[in-house]
Each structure stands twice: as structure tokens, then as C-alpha cells.
Amino acid sequence: MSLAIFIRYTATFAAVRLLACVLGAGLAGAFSSTPAVAQAVPPAGGWQTLTNERLAGESFFARSIANLFKLDRSQLGSRTAFIYWVAMNDCRAALKHNNEFEWEDVRRWYEARTDAILGGIAPLMDVSLWVGLGPYDMAAAAFPIAYEAPPEQIKGVLLTEGQETWLCGGGIPHFKVPAMNVEFDRSLPALFPIDRAAAKAYVDARSNPTDRRAQVQVLFSLGTPVKKATIDVNGRSVERLVFPGRIEFVQVAASFATPGRPVQTRVIGELIPPSSPAVRAAMPPANRVDPLPLLIAR
């Protein structure tokens, strides 16, 4: 039996930014190419609804939960889950859950709009993986890529570990987020094709030529999750929701230090070309780093 080992980064996944941050003005984001959700005239409370533009500026955790609700509507069946969902749209509305005079109106308002809101959210997510580039292969015209494991063993990314979480700075009941991960449909490339002149420019621009760090930025779409039992690092079986992930676009970015100027991060090439122009437009800026634990099969 395969043992799924999760390579965790040092920041605690549960320490995510509160989703109250999405409740300001609409944020320009990675999904600007997707039509916005139609806005109905709200009641006196002026409740907000979630859009791709607002969601794009949020944490990977928040985007994972929105896609969980989109792709598995049964997750919204409990009262706590629905309050969580309302909070993702508008914290002010969710805080009405303990007001018996107003909550039913809020609940009905969002229930009538949930399908439209979720229908307008693109099931696309992105992740950045730190890698090292090996010595340039002149014959292959490519850099070998050093991942944390052989690329054929990298199966996906960990989304959550089943922690309880809440929103809006308190006052929202706990919603038990399922343990979730994504399993990619293919391996990541072992070589980064790049012409010799561009490769030399990359090496020459490094303050230390032996420092070959780069970011592999992966944009992938999600399918309907299925329940699977996996074995965690302590040897116990854990039921997870596993999303099939289709890799849509992979590019490489690197940071460059220029004397007298701030460090710049820019794209230096593509590993897997985008599946469509809209997908290219959906890739977030190169300087947005959202590293996640890799899912590695042993």
C-alpha cells in the first residue's frame, strides 16, 4: 500500500488570514477573465456576494473552501457550514445568525443566491513550489529541475488537515473543515526548456551564480472530490476528500537583485503551456508566492 507523506512548510496552515479582509472593495485578481456573478438588489443590509475577483486575493485555504462548496454542495447541508458560507460572502450578514429576528431573512436571501454565486466561481487554483535549477544541459537546451522528490512521485498538494476554523474575528460557530488534498493528473516536468541566451542571462543575473532557486508556479482546475482513506505520517488511516486536479499551466519565475533597485520577480519561461488564453490570464502575478505542502507518494 502506498504511503502518502505530506511535506509541510513551516508556517502553520491554520494561521490563515481572516476572510473579513475580502469584504472591502472588489479585488483585481487571477480570475478576472471569468464573468462576474450577477448582483441582485440586496435588502436594507446591503449584503455582499462572493466573486472571483474578491476570492482571487484570498488565501489558498479560503479558495479551497469556496471550491469545496462549489464542487460538493452536500457540504453546505449543516447550519454551521451555511453560516460559514454566508461569512465568506459578508461577515456582517453571518453575524446575524444569533439574531432570531433577522437571521431567517438573511438565510433565505443567501439560499436563493447560492447556486448563482457558486456557479460564477472558477474552479481554478494555483500553487508555487520552490525548486532548484541544475547546471544547464547544452544538448537538451534545458535546466534540470530539483524538486523535493523525483517529479514522478509528486502527486499533488495538501489543502487542509481537517482543522476547525471560523471567520469574522469571532462570533461564528465552528465548521469542521474536511481533510482535503488535490491529486494531479500528471507528473511535473523534470526539465525546464529555455534557450541558451535566456539561460545565460538568468545565471549572469544571480548575485551568486550557484544560487539557482526558482519558483514553479502551477495553475490547475479541480473536479468533484471523492472520499479516500489515506495513511498519515503517524500510521493512522484518515478519510480525505480528494479533488482530481488537472494541470492547466505551469511557468517558472525567479527573483533578481539589481543594484539600487528593489528585488524583482519575473517569469523566465514556461514548463507546460496554458490550455487556453483565458487560463494564461488567470495565472496570478509572478511575485505572488503561495507555497503549499507537496503530496508525495513513497
C-alpha atoms as a PDB file:
ATOM      1  CA  MET A   1       0.000   0.000   0.000  1.00  0.00           C
ATOM      2  CA  SER A   2       1.309   3.425  -0.887  1.00  0.00           C
ATOM      3  CA  LEU A   3       2.132   5.691   1.995  1.00  0.00           C
ATOM      4  CA  ALA A   4       1.179   9.320   1.425  1.00  0.00           C
ATOM      5  CA  ILE A   5       3.630  11.596   3.172  1.00  0.00           C
ATOM      6  CA  PHE A   6       2.907  15.274   3.399  1.00  0.00           C
ATOM      7  CA  ILE A   7       5.903  17.602   3.276  1.00  0.00           C
ATOM      8  CA  ARG A   8       4.828  20.579   5.338  1.00  0.00           C
ATOM      9  CA  TYR A   9       6.179  24.087   5.161  1.00  0.00           C
ATOM     10  CA  THR A  10       6.993  25.835   8.410  1.00  0.00           C
ATOM     11  CA  ALA A  11       4.048  28.221   8.597  1.00  0.00           C
ATOM     12  CA  THR A  12       1.045  26.639  10.314  1.00  0.00           C
ATOM     13  CA  PHE A  13      -1.683  26.106   7.734  1.00  0.00           C
ATOM     14  CA  ALA A  14      -4.391  27.028  10.212  1.00  0.00           C
ATOM     15  CA  ALA A  15      -2.916  30.517  10.625  1.00  0.00           C
ATOM     16  CA  VAL A  16      -4.809  31.877   7.645  1.00  0.00           C
ATOM     17  CA  ARG A  17      -5.801  35.486   7.180  1.00  0.00           C
ATOM     18  CA  LEU A  18      -9.335  36.193   8.344  1.00  0.00           C
ATOM     19  CA  LEU A  19     -11.781  36.336   5.499  1.00  0.00           C
ATOM     20  CA  ALA A  20     -13.062  39.647   6.753  1.00  0.00           C
ATOM     21  CA  CYS A  21     -10.318  41.037   4.555  1.00  0.00           C
ATOM     22  CA  VAL A  22     -12.293  40.112   1.443  1.00  0.00           C
ATOM     23  CA  LEU A  23     -15.164  42.299   2.454  1.00  0.00           C
ATOM     24  CA  GLY A  24     -13.751  45.590   1.202  1.00  0.00           C
ATOM     25  CA  ALA A  25     -13.741  46.832  -2.360  1.00  0.00           C
ATOM     26  CA  GLY A  26     -13.557  44.164  -5.066  1.00  0.00           C
ATOM     27  CA  LEU A  27     -10.012  42.952  -5.631  1.00  0.00           C
ATOM     28  CA  ALA A  28      -8.468  42.605  -9.066  1.00  0.00           C
ATOM     29  CA  GLY A  29      -7.319  39.009  -9.299  1.00  0.00           C
ATOM     30  CA  ALA A  30      -6.380  35.895 -11.127  1.00  0.00           C
ATOM     31  CA  PHE A  31      -9.903  35.164 -12.323  1.00  0.00           C
ATOM     32  CA  SER A  32     -10.674  38.497 -13.956  1.00  0.00           C
ATOM     33  CA  SER A  33     -11.273  36.700 -17.233  1.00  0.00           C
ATOM     34  CA  THR A  34     -14.298  34.889 -15.775  1.00  0.00           C
ATOM     35  CA  PRO A  35     -17.659  36.720 -15.904  1.00  0.00           C
ATOM     36  CA  ALA A  36     -18.628  38.183 -12.538  1.00  0.00           C
ATOM     37  CA  VAL A  37     -21.627  36.829 -10.670  1.00  0.00           C
ATOM     38  CA  ALA A  38     -24.767  38.829 -11.398  1.00  0.00           C
ATOM     39  CA  GLN A  39     -25.618  41.092  -8.471  1.00  0.00           C
ATOM     40  CA  ALA A  40     -29.236  41.185  -7.310  1.00  0.00           C
ATOM     41  CA  VAL A  41     -30.590  44.188  -5.433  1.00  0.00           C
ATOM     42  CA  PRO A  42     -29.772  43.456  -1.764  1.00  0.00           C
ATOM     43  CA  PRO A  43     -32.040  44.169   1.200  1.00  0.00           C
ATOM     44  CA  ALA A  44     -31.524  47.105   3.511  1.00  0.00           C
ATOM     45  CA  GLY A  45     -28.481  45.374   4.975  1.00  0.00           C
ATOM     46  CA  GLY A  46     -26.714  45.623   1.589  1.00  0.00           C
ATOM     47  CA  TRP A  47     -25.264  42.086   1.780  1.00  0.00           C
ATOM     48  CA  GLN A  48     -22.292  41.284  -0.450  1.00  0.00           C
ATOM     49  CA  THR A  49     -21.789  38.186  -2.585  1.00  0.00           C
ATOM     50  CA  LEU A  50     -18.538  36.389  -3.323  1.00  0.00           C
ATOM     51  CA  THR A  51     -16.961  36.889  -6.768  1.00  0.00           C
ATOM     52  CA  ASN A  52     -13.842  35.592  -8.472  1.00  0.00           C
ATOM     53  CA  GLU A  53     -12.230  39.000  -8.151  1.00  0.00           C
ATOM     54  CA  ARG A  54     -12.638  39.039  -4.382  1.00  0.00           C
ATOM     55  CA  LEU A  55     -11.723  35.380  -3.942  1.00  0.00           C
ATOM     56  CA  ALA A  56      -8.529  35.701  -6.001  1.00  0.00           C
ATOM     57  CA  GLY A  57      -6.913  37.912  -3.375  1.00  0.00           C
ATOM     58  CA  GLU A  58      -7.605  35.463  -0.570  1.00  0.00           C
ATOM     59  CA  SER A  59      -5.550  32.689   0.989  1.00  0.00           C
ATOM     60  CA  PHE A  60      -5.263  29.272  -0.608  1.00  0.00           C
ATOM     61  CA  PHE A  61      -7.256  27.928   2.342  1.00  0.00           C
ATOM     62  CA  ALA A  62     -10.181  30.261   1.630  1.00  0.00           C
ATOM     63  CA  ARG A  63     -10.154  29.423  -2.083  1.00  0.00           C
ATOM     64  CA  SER A  64     -10.104  25.713  -1.226  1.00  0.00           C
ATOM     65  CA  ILE A  65     -13.232  26.024   0.909  1.00  0.00           C
ATOM     66  CA  ALA A  66     -15.086  28.001  -1.772  1.00  0.00           C
ATOM     67  CA  ASN A  67     -14.313  25.264  -4.289  1.00  0.00           C
ATOM     68  CA  LEU A  68     -15.343  22.590  -1.792  1.00  0.00           C
ATOM     69  CA  PHE A  69     -18.791  24.205  -1.572  1.00  0.00           C
ATOM     70  CA  LYS A  70     -18.934  24.615  -5.355  1.00  0.00           C
ATOM     71  CA  LEU A  71     -17.982  21.027  -6.188  1.00  0.00           C
ATOM     72  CA  ASP A  72     -19.679  19.244  -3.291  1.00  0.00           C
ATOM     73  CA  ARG A  73     -22.899  21.067  -2.392  1.00  0.00           C
ATOM     74  CA  SER A  74     -23.664  18.476   0.314  1.00  0.00           C
ATOM     75  CA  GLN A  75     -21.031  20.239   2.422  1.00  0.00           C
ATOM     76  CA  LEU A  76     -23.490  23.113   2.865  1.00  0.00           C
ATOM     77  CA  GLY A  77     -26.078  20.858   4.494  1.00  0.00           C
ATOM     78  CA  SER A  78     -25.338  21.770   8.115  1.00  0.00           C
ATOM     79  CA  ARG A  79     -26.258  25.027   9.815  1.00  0.00           C
ATOM     80  CA  THR A  80     -22.642  25.732  10.806  1.00  0.00           C
ATOM     81  CA  ALA A  81     -21.433  25.195   7.234  1.00  0.00           C
ATOM     82  CA  PHE A  82     -24.072  27.527   5.856  1.00  0.00           C
ATOM     83  CA  ILE A  83     -23.179  30.232   8.380  1.00  0.00           C
ATOM     84  CA  TYR A  84     -19.546  29.808   7.323  1.00  0.00           C
ATOM     85  CA  TRP A  85     -20.601  30.192   3.695  1.00  0.00           C
ATOM     86  CA  VAL A  86     -22.545  33.372   4.477  1.00  0.00           C
ATOM     87  CA  ALA A  87     -19.468  34.680   6.311  1.00  0.00           C
ATOM     88  CA  MET A  88     -17.367  34.129   3.185  1.00  0.00           C
ATOM     89  CA  ASN A  89     -19.786  36.429   1.395  1.00  0.00           C
ATOM     90  CA  ASP A  90     -20.347  39.044   4.095  1.00  0.00           C
ATOM     91  CA  CYS A  91     -19.287  38.885   7.740  1.00  0.00           C
ATOM     92  CA  ARG A  92     -21.985  41.363   8.736  1.00  0.00           C
ATOM     93  CA  ALA A  93     -24.653  39.027   7.413  1.00  0.00           C
ATOM     94  CA  ALA A  94     -23.164  35.946   9.102  1.00  0.00           C
ATOM     95  CA  LEU A  95     -23.101  37.668  12.481  1.00  0.00           C
ATOM     96  CA  LYS A  96     -26.912  37.813  12.276  1.00  0.00           C
ATOM     97  CA  HIS A  97     -27.051  34.044  12.892  1.00  0.00           C
ATOM     98  CA  ASN A  98     -27.768  34.571  16.584  1.00  0.00           C
ATOM     99  CA  ASN A  99     -30.459  37.194  15.955  1.00  0.00           C
ATOM    100  CA  GLU A 100     -33.752  35.322  15.677  1.00  0.00           C
ATOM    101  CA  PHE A 101     -35.477  38.437  14.282  1.00  0.00           C
ATOM    102  CA  GLU A 102     -33.149  38.805  11.286  1.00  0.00           C
ATOM    103  CA  TRP A 103     -31.368  35.511  10.561  1.00  0.00           C
ATOM    104  CA  GLU A 104     -34.214  33.847   8.668  1.00  0.00           C
ATOM    105  CA  ASP A 105     -34.324  36.739   6.202  1.00  0.00           C
ATOM    106  CA  VAL A 106     -30.534  36.562   5.748  1.00  0.00           C
ATOM    107  CA  ARG A 107     -30.615  32.781   5.328  1.00  0.00           C
ATOM    108  CA  ARG A 108     -33.370  32.900   2.712  1.00  0.00           C
ATOM    109  CA  TRP A 109     -31.585  35.705   0.835  1.00  0.00           C
ATOM    110  CA  TYR A 110     -28.355  33.708   0.519  1.00  0.00           C
ATOM    111  CA  GLU A 111     -30.061  30.378  -0.123  1.00  0.00           C
ATOM    112  CA  ALA A 112     -31.782  31.947  -3.130  1.00  0.00           C
ATOM    113  CA  ARG A 113     -28.414  33.107  -4.497  1.00  0.00           C
ATOM    114  CA  THR A 114     -26.004  30.320  -3.526  1.00  0.00           C
ATOM    115  CA  ASP A 115     -26.250  28.419  -6.821  1.00  0.00           C
ATOM    116  CA  ALA A 116     -25.623  31.586  -8.845  1.00  0.00           C
ATOM    117  CA  ILE A 117     -22.715  32.678  -6.657  1.00  0.00           C
ATOM    118  CA  LEU A 118     -21.006  29.283  -6.747  1.00  0.00           C
ATOM    119  CA  GLY A 119     -21.776  28.921 -10.455  1.00  0.00           C
ATOM    120  CA  GLY A 120     -19.762  32.064 -11.121  1.00  0.00           C
ATOM    121  CA  ILE A 121     -16.652  30.881  -9.251  1.00  0.00           C
ATOM    122  CA  ALA A 122     -13.987  29.354 -11.491  1.00  0.00           C
ATOM    123  CA  PRO A 123     -12.657  26.054 -10.038  1.00  0.00           C
ATOM    124  CA  LEU A 124      -9.054  27.158 -10.632  1.00  0.00           C
ATOM    125  CA  MET A 125      -6.295  27.305  -8.063  1.00  0.00           C
ATOM    126  CA  ASP A 126      -2.579  27.988  -8.089  1.00  0.00           C
ATOM    127  CA  VAL A 127       0.429  26.970  -6.044  1.00  0.00           C
ATOM    128  CA  SER A 128       4.108  27.932  -6.061  1.00  0.00           C
ATOM    129  CA  LEU A 129       6.778  25.312  -5.434  1.00  0.00           C
ATOM    130  CA  TRP A 130      10.338  26.323  -4.601  1.00  0.00           C
ATOM    131  CA  VAL A 131      12.842  24.386  -6.693  1.00  0.00           C
ATOM    132  CA  GLY A 132      16.483  24.462  -7.658  1.00  0.00           C
ATOM    133  CA  LEU A 133      17.761  24.552 -11.237  1.00  0.00           C
ATOM    134  CA  GLY A 134      20.736  22.360 -12.042  1.00  0.00           C
ATOM    135  CA  PRO A 135      23.624  23.132 -14.429  1.00  0.00           C
ATOM    136  CA  TYR A 136      22.330  23.989 -17.895  1.00  0.00           C
ATOM    137  CA  ASP A 137      22.210  20.995 -20.252  1.00  0.00           C
ATOM    138  CA  MET A 138      23.595  22.348 -23.527  1.00  0.00           C
ATOM    139  CA  ALA A 139      22.416  19.351 -25.567  1.00  0.00           C
ATOM    140  CA  ALA A 140      18.856  19.401 -24.217  1.00  0.00           C
ATOM    141  CA  ALA A 141      18.730  23.232 -24.067  1.00  0.00           C
ATOM    142  CA  ALA A 142      17.156  22.970 -20.620  1.00  0.00           C
ATOM    143  CA  PHE A 143      17.779  23.276 -16.895  1.00  0.00           C
ATOM    144  CA  PRO A 144      17.201  20.103 -14.842  1.00  0.00           C
ATOM    145  CA  ILE A 145      14.733  20.843 -12.042  1.00  0.00           C
ATOM    146  CA  ALA A 146      15.438  19.689  -8.484  1.00  0.00           C
ATOM    147  CA  TYR A 147      12.151  19.190  -6.624  1.00  0.00           C
ATOM    148  CA  GLU A 148      11.791  17.924  -3.056  1.00  0.00           C
ATOM    149  CA  ALA A 149      11.276  14.468  -4.568  1.00  0.00           C
ATOM    150  CA  PRO A 150      11.527  12.929  -8.052  1.00  0.00           C
ATOM    151  CA  PRO A 151       8.832  14.642 -10.161  1.00  0.00           C
ATOM    152  CA  GLU A 152       7.052  11.364 -10.912  1.00  0.00           C
ATOM    153  CA  GLN A 153       6.473  10.953  -7.158  1.00  0.00           C
ATOM    154  CA  ILE A 154       4.867  14.374  -6.705  1.00  0.00           C
ATOM    155  CA  LYS A 155       1.168  13.551  -6.796  1.00  0.00           C
ATOM    156  CA  GLY A 156      -0.456  16.800  -5.716  1.00  0.00           C
ATOM    157  CA  VAL A 157      -0.770  19.257  -2.846  1.00  0.00           C
ATOM    158  CA  LEU A 158      -2.271  19.191   0.621  1.00  0.00           C
ATOM    159  CA  LEU A 159      -5.217  21.569   1.067  1.00  0.00           C
ATOM    160  CA  THR A 160      -6.236  21.144   4.704  1.00  0.00           C
ATOM    161  CA  GLU A 161      -5.724  18.799   7.596  1.00  0.00           C
ATOM    162  CA  GLY A 162      -9.269  18.897   8.927  1.00  0.00           C
ATOM    163  CA  GLN A 163      -8.899  21.748  11.387  1.00  0.00           C
ATOM    164  CA  GLU A 164     -11.859  23.626  12.782  1.00  0.00           C
ATOM    165  CA  THR A 165     -11.925  27.227  11.733  1.00  0.00           C
ATOM    166  CA  TRP A 166     -14.131  30.278  11.885  1.00  0.00           C
ATOM    167  CA  LEU A 167     -14.330  33.717  10.355  1.00  0.00           C
ATOM    168  CA  CYS A 168     -15.027  37.353  11.053  1.00  0.00           C
ATOM    169  CA  GLY A 169     -12.883  37.704  14.158  1.00  0.00           C
ATOM    170  CA  GLY A 170     -15.149  35.587  16.384  1.00  0.00           C
ATOM    171  CA  GLY A 171     -18.857  35.108  16.847  1.00  0.00           C
ATOM    172  CA  ILE A 172     -19.128  32.475  14.090  1.00  0.00           C
ATOM    173  CA  PRO A 173     -19.718  28.830  15.124  1.00  0.00           C
ATOM    174  CA  HIS A 174     -17.139  26.206  14.263  1.00  0.00           C
ATOM    175  CA  PHE A 175     -17.367  24.426  10.927  1.00  0.00           C
ATOM    176  CA  LYS A 176     -15.323  21.240  10.777  1.00  0.00           C
ATOM    177  CA  VAL A 177     -13.421  21.550   7.510  1.00  0.00           C
ATOM    178  CA  PRO A 178     -12.833  18.104   5.969  1.00  0.00           C
ATOM    179  CA  ALA A 179      -9.302  16.873   5.401  1.00  0.00           C
ATOM    180  CA  MET A 180      -8.658  17.545   1.707  1.00  0.00           C
ATOM    181  CA  ASN A 181      -5.967  17.266  -0.924  1.00  0.00           C
ATOM    182  CA  VAL A 182      -5.568  17.509  -4.702  1.00  0.00           C
ATOM    183  CA  GLU A 183      -4.130  14.724  -6.853  1.00  0.00           C
ATOM    184  CA  PHE A 184      -2.647  15.952 -10.130  1.00  0.00           C
ATOM    185  CA  ASP A 185      -3.435  14.281 -13.423  1.00  0.00           C
ATOM    186  CA  ARG A 186       0.233  14.090 -14.444  1.00  0.00           C
ATOM    187  CA  SER A 187       3.768  14.494 -13.202  1.00  0.00           C
ATOM    188  CA  LEU A 188       5.577  17.792 -13.246  1.00  0.00           C
ATOM    189  CA  PRO A 189       8.313  18.124 -15.888  1.00  0.00           C
ATOM    190  CA  ALA A 190      11.868  17.183 -14.901  1.00  0.00           C
ATOM    191  CA  LEU A 191      13.426  19.632 -17.382  1.00  0.00           C
ATOM    192  CA  PHE A 192      12.852  23.344 -17.897  1.00  0.00           C
ATOM    193  CA  PRO A 193      13.349  24.121 -21.625  1.00  0.00           C
ATOM    194  CA  ILE A 194      14.852  27.573 -22.139  1.00  0.00           C
ATOM    195  CA  ASP A 195      17.050  28.892 -24.924  1.00  0.00           C
ATOM    196  CA  ARG A 196      20.740  29.321 -24.224  1.00  0.00           C
ATOM    197  CA  ALA A 197      20.738  33.135 -24.278  1.00  0.00           C
ATOM    198  CA  ALA A 198      17.894  33.373 -21.772  1.00  0.00           C
ATOM    199  CA  ALA A 199      19.503  30.710 -19.582  1.00  0.00           C
ATOM    200  CA  LYS A 200      22.811  32.603 -19.564  1.00  0.00           C
ATOM    201  CA  ALA A 201      21.015  35.843 -18.713  1.00  0.00           C
ATOM    202  CA  TYR A 202      19.368  34.102 -15.751  1.00  0.00           C
ATOM    203  CA  VAL A 203      22.688  32.766 -14.449  1.00  0.00           C
ATOM    204  CA  ASP A 204      24.511  36.072 -15.037  1.00  0.00           C
ATOM    205  CA  ALA A 205      21.804  37.987 -13.168  1.00  0.00           C
ATOM    206  CA  ARG A 206      22.197  35.924  -9.993  1.00  0.00           C
ATOM    207  CA  SER A 207      24.139  37.682  -7.268  1.00  0.00           C
ATOM    208  CA  ASN A 208      25.628  34.242  -6.601  1.00  0.00           C
ATOM    209  CA  PRO A 209      25.827  32.102  -9.771  1.00  0.00           C
ATOM    210  CA  THR A 210      25.489  28.931  -7.666  1.00  0.00           C
ATOM    211  CA  ASP A 211      22.142  30.158  -6.313  1.00  0.00           C
ATOM    212  CA  ARG A 212      19.700  28.613  -8.774  1.00  0.00           C
ATOM    213  CA  ARG A 213      16.468  28.957  -6.787  1.00  0.00           C
ATOM    214  CA  ALA A 214      13.254  29.491  -8.722  1.00  0.00           C
ATOM    215  CA  GLN A 215       9.500  29.126  -8.324  1.00  0.00           C
ATOM    216  CA  VAL A 216       7.482  26.626 -10.310  1.00  0.00           C
ATOM    217  CA  GLN A 217       4.002  28.152 -10.474  1.00  0.00           C
ATOM    218  CA  VAL A 218       1.222  25.661 -11.169  1.00  0.00           C
ATOM    219  CA  LEU A 219      -2.316  26.644 -12.189  1.00  0.00           C
ATOM    220  CA  PHE A 220      -4.771  23.747 -12.011  1.00  0.00           C
ATOM    221  CA  SER A 221      -8.504  23.111 -12.204  1.00  0.00           C
ATOM    222  CA  LEU A 222     -10.470  20.979  -9.757  1.00  0.00           C
ATOM    223  CA  GLY A 223     -13.016  18.240 -10.300  1.00  0.00           C
ATOM    224  CA  THR A 224     -15.642  16.758  -7.987  1.00  0.00           C
ATOM    225  CA  PRO A 225     -13.942  15.311  -4.892  1.00  0.00           C
ATOM    226  CA  VAL A 226     -14.203  11.688  -3.822  1.00  0.00           C
ATOM    227  CA  LYS A 227     -13.656  10.187  -0.382  1.00  0.00           C
ATOM    228  CA  LYS A 228     -10.464   8.203   0.060  1.00  0.00           C
ATOM    229  CA  ALA A 229      -8.704   6.712   3.047  1.00  0.00           C
ATOM    230  CA  THR A 230      -5.028   7.603   3.261  1.00  0.00           C
ATOM    231  CA  ILE A 231      -2.307   6.796   5.764  1.00  0.00           C
ATOM    232  CA  ASP A 232      -0.743   9.759   7.506  1.00  0.00           C
ATOM    233  CA  VAL A 233       2.776  10.028   8.931  1.00  0.00           C
ATOM    234  CA  ASN A 234       1.689   8.544  12.274  1.00  0.00           C
ATOM    235  CA  GLY A 235       0.379   5.406  10.640  1.00  0.00           C
ATOM    236  CA  ARG A 236      -3.322   6.017  11.152  1.00  0.00           C
ATOM    237  CA  SER A 237      -5.966   5.942   8.437  1.00  0.00           C
ATOM    238  CA  VAL A 238      -7.569   9.306   7.652  1.00  0.00           C
ATOM    239  CA  GLU A 239     -10.571   9.844   5.396  1.00  0.00           C
ATOM    240  CA  ARG A 240      -9.931  12.673   2.978  1.00  0.00           C
ATOM    241  CA  LEU A 241     -11.811  14.401   0.238  1.00  0.00           C
ATOM    242  CA  VAL A 242      -9.558  14.111  -2.790  1.00  0.00           C
ATOM    243  CA  PHE A 243     -10.027  16.535  -5.685  1.00  0.00           C
ATOM    244  CA  PRO A 244      -8.815  15.401  -9.118  1.00  0.00           C
ATOM    245  CA  GLY A 245      -6.599  18.236 -10.297  1.00  0.00           C
ATOM    246  CA  ARG A 246      -5.935  18.923 -13.948  1.00  0.00           C
ATOM    247  CA  ILE A 247      -2.741  20.912 -14.515  1.00  0.00           C
ATOM    248  CA  GLU A 248      -3.640  23.769 -16.873  1.00  0.00           C
ATOM    249  CA  PHE A 249      -0.479  25.915 -16.932  1.00  0.00           C
ATOM    250  CA  VAL A 250       2.985  25.769 -15.378  1.00  0.00           C
ATOM    251  CA  GLN A 251       5.571  28.543 -15.522  1.00  0.00           C
ATOM    252  CA  VAL A 252       8.893  29.342 -13.868  1.00  0.00           C
ATOM    253  CA  ALA A 253       9.661  32.609 -12.103  1.00  0.00           C
ATOM    254  CA  ALA A 254      12.808  33.883 -10.409  1.00  0.00           C
ATOM    255  CA  SER A 255      13.835  36.854  -8.304  1.00  0.00           C
ATOM    256  CA  PHE A 256      16.575  39.184  -9.497  1.00  0.00           C
ATOM    257  CA  ALA A 257      18.554  41.694  -7.470  1.00  0.00           C
ATOM    258  CA  THR A 258      19.536  44.827  -9.369  1.00  0.00           C
ATOM    259  CA  PRO A 259      21.903  47.330  -7.704  1.00  0.00           C
ATOM    260  CA  GLY A 260      19.962  50.307  -6.419  1.00  0.00           C
ATOM    261  CA  ARG A 261      16.572  48.762  -7.137  1.00  0.00           C
ATOM    262  CA  PRO A 262      14.160  46.506  -5.224  1.00  0.00           C
ATOM    263  CA  VAL A 263      14.304  42.783  -5.884  1.00  0.00           C
ATOM    264  CA  GLN A 264      12.176  41.931  -8.912  1.00  0.00           C
ATOM    265  CA  THR A 265      10.381  38.641  -9.502  1.00  0.00           C
ATOM    266  CA  ARG A 266       9.552  37.837 -13.087  1.00  0.00           C
ATOM    267  CA  VAL A 267       8.608  34.919 -15.306  1.00  0.00           C
ATOM    268  CA  ILE A 268      11.571  33.359 -17.094  1.00  0.00           C
ATOM    269  CA  GLY A 269       9.778  30.626 -19.051  1.00  0.00           C
ATOM    270  CA  GLU A 270       7.022  28.003 -19.288  1.00  0.00           C
ATOM    271  CA  LEU A 271       7.059  24.336 -18.332  1.00  0.00           C
ATOM    272  CA  ILE A 272       3.567  23.484 -19.587  1.00  0.00           C
ATOM    273  CA  PRO A 273       1.894  26.000 -21.924  1.00  0.00           C
ATOM    274  CA  PRO A 274      -1.570  27.265 -20.964  1.00  0.00           C
ATOM    275  CA  SER A 275      -4.535  25.241 -22.170  1.00  0.00           C
ATOM    276  CA  SER A 276      -6.294  28.440 -23.329  1.00  0.00           C
ATOM    277  CA  PRO A 277      -5.808  32.234 -23.440  1.00  0.00           C
ATOM    278  CA  ALA A 278      -8.237  32.551 -20.517  1.00  0.00           C
ATOM    279  CA  VAL A 279      -6.077  30.206 -18.456  1.00  0.00           C
ATOM    280  CA  ARG A 280      -2.994  32.294 -19.232  1.00  0.00           C
ATOM    281  CA  ALA A 281      -4.848  35.375 -17.995  1.00  0.00           C
ATOM    282  CA  ALA A 282      -5.832  33.519 -14.808  1.00  0.00           C
ATOM    283  CA  MET A 283      -2.249  32.893 -13.671  1.00  0.00           C
ATOM    284  CA  PRO A 284      -1.517  35.255 -10.765  1.00  0.00           C
ATOM    285  CA  PRO A 285       1.469  37.646 -10.829  1.00  0.00           C
ATOM    286  CA  ALA A 286       4.904  36.072 -10.560  1.00  0.00           C
ATOM    287  CA  ASN A 287       5.613  37.845  -7.294  1.00  0.00           C
ATOM    288  CA  ARG A 288       2.689  36.160  -5.535  1.00  0.00           C
ATOM    289  CA  VAL A 289       4.139  33.206  -3.636  1.00  0.00           C
ATOM    290  CA  ASP A 290       1.638  30.751  -2.184  1.00  0.00           C
ATOM    291  CA  PRO A 291       3.785  27.723  -1.246  1.00  0.00           C
ATOM    292  CA  LEU A 292       1.992  24.567  -0.158  1.00  0.00           C
ATOM    293  CA  PRO A 293       2.986  21.134   1.135  1.00  0.00           C
ATOM    294  CA  LEU A 294       3.551  18.648  -1.664  1.00  0.00           C
ATOM    295  CA  LEU A 295       1.760  15.327  -1.661  1.00  0.00           C
ATOM    296  CA  ILE A 296       4.500  12.772  -2.262  1.00  0.00           C
ATOM    297  CA  ALA A 297       3.978   9.035  -2.832  1.00  0.00           C
ATOM    298  CA  ARG A 298       6.525   6.605  -1.449  1.00  0.00           C
END
